[in-house]
Amino acid sequence: MNEINVDQLLLQMRTMAEKAQGLNVSVPATGETSDFSTLLKSSIDKVNDMQMQAGDMAKRFDAGDETIALSDVMINLQSASVSFQAMLQVRNRLVSAYQDIMNMSI
């Protein structure tokens, strides 16, 4: 069975989100440790920001803003959708791992 390193997965999600937004991507050193809840919250916040930005851009395009191209709207909506789906898969894995741990006999 494949083992998934949750910290690595969250780091990859963050990196993908930053690349999609065009931000400068910084990778923390391997010796650096972070609190899991902080990493999870920041990843969820970034996905939420992507969703909000894509929705705002779509609304502005619908309102007739000529500075926004349809292709940009579609790319942002798809990027937000992909990051949401990745976050959903992480959540499903975490729930599954929790259920497996709770079903273990002591």
Protein backbone atom coordinates (compact mmCIF):
# COMPACT_ATOMS: atom_id res chain seq x y z
CA MET A 1 0.00 0.00 0.00
CA ASN A 2 1.28 3.47 -0.85
CA GLU A 3 2.06 5.70 2.09
CA ILE A 4 1.34 9.39 1.65
CA ASN A 5 3.35 12.01 3.49
CA VAL A 6 0.68 14.59 4.33
CA ASP A 7 3.20 17.40 4.82
CA GLN A 8 4.65 16.77 1.36
CA LEU A 9 1.16 16.65 -0.16
CA LEU A 10 0.17 19.93 1.47
CA LEU A 11 3.44 21.49 0.31
CA GLN A 12 2.70 20.38 -3.23
CA MET A 13 -0.83 21.80 -3.00
CA ARG A 14 0.54 25.12 -1.79
CA THR A 15 3.15 25.16 -4.53
CA MET A 16 0.52 24.47 -7.20
CA ALA A 17 -1.73 27.21 -5.82
CA GLU A 18 1.12 29.73 -5.78
CA LYS A 19 2.15 28.79 -9.31
CA ALA A 20 -1.44 29.16 -10.49
CA GLN A 21 -1.59 32.63 -8.94
CA GLY A 22 1.79 33.57 -10.41
CA LEU A 23 3.40 34.10 -7.02
CA ASN A 24 7.03 33.45 -6.19
CA VAL A 25 7.19 29.88 -4.93
CA SER A 26 9.33 29.25 -1.88
CA VAL A 27 10.06 25.77 -0.60
CA PRO A 28 10.86 25.43 3.10
CA ALA A 29 14.04 23.66 4.15
CA THR A 30 13.69 19.97 4.95
CA GLY A 31 14.78 20.52 8.56
CA GLU A 32 12.03 23.08 9.12
CA THR A 33 8.98 21.74 10.95
CA SER A 34 5.53 23.26 11.02
CA ASP A 35 2.39 22.57 12.95
CA PHE A 36 0.05 20.33 10.94
CA SER A 37 -3.04 22.37 11.76
CA THR A 38 -1.29 25.55 10.60
CA LEU A 39 -0.29 23.93 7.32
CA LEU A 40 -3.77 22.57 6.76
CA LYS A 41 -5.43 25.90 7.56
CA SER A 42 -3.12 27.85 5.29
CA SER A 43 -3.75 25.40 2.44
CA ILE A 44 -7.50 25.67 2.90
CA ASP A 45 -7.25 29.46 3.03
CA LYS A 46 -5.27 29.53 -0.22
CA VAL A 47 -7.82 27.30 -1.95
CA ASN A 48 -10.59 29.55 -0.64
CA ASP A 49 -8.76 32.63 -1.95
CA MET A 50 -8.44 31.02 -5.38
CA GLN A 51 -12.17 30.22 -5.38
CA MET A 52 -13.06 33.77 -4.37
CA GLN A 53 -10.75 35.35 -6.98
CA ALA A 54 -12.09 33.10 -9.74
CA GLY A 55 -15.69 33.88 -8.74
CA ASP A 56 -14.97 37.60 -8.62
CA MET A 57 -13.33 37.50 -12.03
CA ALA A 58 -16.30 35.60 -13.48
CA LYS A 59 -18.74 38.14 -12.02
CA ARG A 60 -16.74 41.03 -13.44
CA PHE A 61 -16.65 39.35 -16.86
CA ASP A 62 -20.42 38.77 -16.71
CA ALA A 63 -20.93 42.41 -15.81
CA GLY A 64 -19.14 43.42 -19.01
CA ASP A 65 -15.66 44.35 -17.79
CA GLU A 66 -13.69 44.58 -21.04
CA THR A 67 -10.30 44.26 -19.33
CA ILE A 68 -10.97 40.59 -18.54
CA ALA A 69 -10.62 37.96 -21.24
CA LEU A 70 -12.82 34.88 -21.32
CA SER A 71 -9.72 32.66 -21.47
CA ASP A 72 -8.41 34.18 -18.21
CA VAL A 73 -11.75 33.56 -16.52
CA MET A 74 -11.83 29.94 -17.67
CA ILE A 75 -8.22 29.30 -16.62
CA ASN A 76 -8.81 30.78 -13.15
CA LEU A 77 -12.03 28.79 -12.71
CA GLN A 78 -10.30 25.55 -13.71
CA SER A 79 -7.30 26.26 -11.46
CA ALA A 80 -9.64 26.88 -8.54
CA SER A 81 -11.55 23.70 -9.34
CA VAL A 82 -8.38 21.58 -9.52
CA SER A 83 -7.07 22.92 -6.22
CA PHE A 84 -10.44 22.32 -4.58
CA GLN A 85 -10.51 18.74 -5.85
CA ALA A 86 -6.97 18.18 -4.54
CA MET A 87 -7.99 19.56 -1.14
CA LEU A 88 -11.05 17.31 -1.16
CA GLN A 89 -8.88 14.25 -1.81
CA VAL A 90 -6.59 15.21 1.09
CA ARG A 91 -9.65 15.53 3.32
CA ASN A 92 -10.91 12.12 2.21
CA ARG A 93 -7.53 10.56 2.98
CA LEU A 94 -7.44 12.18 6.41
CA VAL A 95 -10.94 10.96 7.24
CA SER A 96 -10.06 7.46 6.05
CA ALA A 97 -6.88 7.42 8.13
CA TYR A 98 -8.80 8.64 11.18
CA GLN A 99 -11.42 5.92 10.73
CA ASP A 100 -8.71 3.27 10.36
CA ILE A 101 -7.05 4.44 13.58
CA MET A 102 -10.36 4.49 15.45
CA ASN A 103 -11.16 0.94 14.30
CA MET A 104 -7.86 -0.47 15.60
CA SER A 105 -8.10 -2.70 18.60
CA ILE A 106 -5.95 -1.93 21.58
